[in-house]
């Protein structure tokens, strides 16, 4: 099911002229990573940094 959704989104993006897609998921989310890899996505070494600004 997830692969079908990704394929549908990719086709929609192609029709709109999008040339690349970047996906952010947690490193420990192995199921999502495996699914994206099955759809030919490639992991890179990019890191996301976050800071919470509590009230």
C-alpha atoms as a PDB file:
ATOM      1  CA  UNK A   1       0.000   0.000   0.000  1.00  0.00           C
ATOM      2  CA  UNK A   2       2.761   2.473   0.927  1.00  0.00           C
ATOM      3  CA  UNK A   3       4.605   1.846  -2.333  1.00  0.00           C
ATOM      4  CA  UNK A   4       1.419   2.547  -4.306  1.00  0.00           C
ATOM      5  CA  UNK A   5       0.935   5.843  -2.448  1.00  0.00           C
ATOM      6  CA  UNK A   6       4.547   6.872  -3.067  1.00  0.00           C
ATOM      7  CA  UNK A   7       4.201   6.013  -6.766  1.00  0.00           C
ATOM      8  CA  UNK A   8       1.004   8.054  -7.022  1.00  0.00           C
ATOM      9  CA  UNK A   9       2.636  11.052  -5.339  1.00  0.00           C
ATOM     10  CA  UNK A  10       5.687  10.781  -7.585  1.00  0.00           C
ATOM     11  CA  UNK A  11       3.516  10.757 -10.706  1.00  0.00           C
ATOM     12  CA  UNK A  12       1.625  13.801  -9.472  1.00  0.00           C
ATOM     13  CA  UNK A  13       4.911  15.607  -8.798  1.00  0.00           C
ATOM     14  CA  UNK A  14       6.247  14.672 -12.267  1.00  0.00           C
ATOM     15  CA  UNK A  15       3.111  16.140 -13.860  1.00  0.00           C
ATOM     16  CA  UNK A  16       3.779  19.367 -11.959  1.00  0.00           C
ATOM     17  CA  UNK A  17       7.398  19.553 -13.135  1.00  0.00           C
ATOM     18  CA  UNK A  18       9.087  18.478  -9.904  1.00  0.00           C
ATOM     19  CA  UNK A  19      12.561  17.096 -10.667  1.00  0.00           C
ATOM     20  CA  UNK A  20      13.567  15.578  -7.316  1.00  0.00           C
ATOM     21  CA  UNK A  21      12.080  14.591  -3.976  1.00  0.00           C
ATOM     22  CA  UNK A  22      13.716  14.674  -0.569  1.00  0.00           C
ATOM     23  CA  UNK A  23      12.188  12.620   2.265  1.00  0.00           C
ATOM     24  CA  UNK A  24      12.916  13.056   5.950  1.00  0.00           C
ATOM     25  CA  UNK A  25      12.365  10.150   8.327  1.00  0.00           C
ATOM     26  CA  UNK A  26      13.882   9.029  11.600  1.00  0.00           C
ATOM     27  CA  UNK A  27      17.001   6.875  11.444  1.00  0.00           C
ATOM     28  CA  UNK A  28      15.319   4.227  13.576  1.00  0.00           C
ATOM     29  CA  UNK A  29      12.258   4.064  11.286  1.00  0.00           C
ATOM     30  CA  UNK A  30      13.556   1.010   9.466  1.00  0.00           C
ATOM     31  CA  UNK A  31      10.195   0.126   7.903  1.00  0.00           C
ATOM     32  CA  UNK A  32       9.913   3.526   6.216  1.00  0.00           C
ATOM     33  CA  UNK A  33      13.559   3.497   5.129  1.00  0.00           C
ATOM     34  CA  UNK A  34      13.151   0.022   3.633  1.00  0.00           C
ATOM     35  CA  UNK A  35       9.987   1.123   1.785  1.00  0.00           C
ATOM     36  CA  UNK A  36      11.676   4.193   0.307  1.00  0.00           C
ATOM     37  CA  UNK A  37      14.699   2.118  -0.714  1.00  0.00           C
ATOM     38  CA  UNK A  38      12.326  -0.295  -2.502  1.00  0.00           C
ATOM     39  CA  UNK A  39      11.116   2.761  -4.448  1.00  0.00           C
ATOM     40  CA  UNK A  40      14.739   3.574  -5.466  1.00  0.00           C
ATOM     41  CA  UNK A  41      15.339   6.353  -2.931  1.00  0.00           C
ATOM     42  CA  UNK A  42      18.963   6.628  -1.796  1.00  0.00           C
ATOM     43  CA  UNK A  43      20.095   7.501   1.722  1.00  0.00           C
ATOM     44  CA  UNK A  44      22.539  10.348   2.202  1.00  0.00           C
ATOM     45  CA  UNK A  45      24.383  11.646   5.247  1.00  0.00           C
ATOM     46  CA  UNK A  46      22.216  14.702   5.798  1.00  0.00           C
ATOM     47  CA  UNK A  47      21.318  15.599   9.363  1.00  0.00           C
ATOM     48  CA  UNK A  48      18.353  17.574  10.587  1.00  0.00           C
ATOM     49  CA  UNK A  49      18.854  19.756  13.651  1.00  0.00           C
ATOM     50  CA  UNK A  50      15.999  20.873  15.873  1.00  0.00           C
ATOM     51  CA  UNK A  51      15.621  23.215  18.816  1.00  0.00           C
ATOM     52  CA  UNK A  52      12.553  23.587  20.972  1.00  0.00           C
ATOM     53  CA  UNK A  53      11.758  27.039  22.231  1.00  0.00           C
ATOM     54  CA  UNK A  54       9.555  26.421  25.235  1.00  0.00           C
ATOM     55  CA  UNK A  55       7.288  29.187  26.465  1.00  0.00           C
END
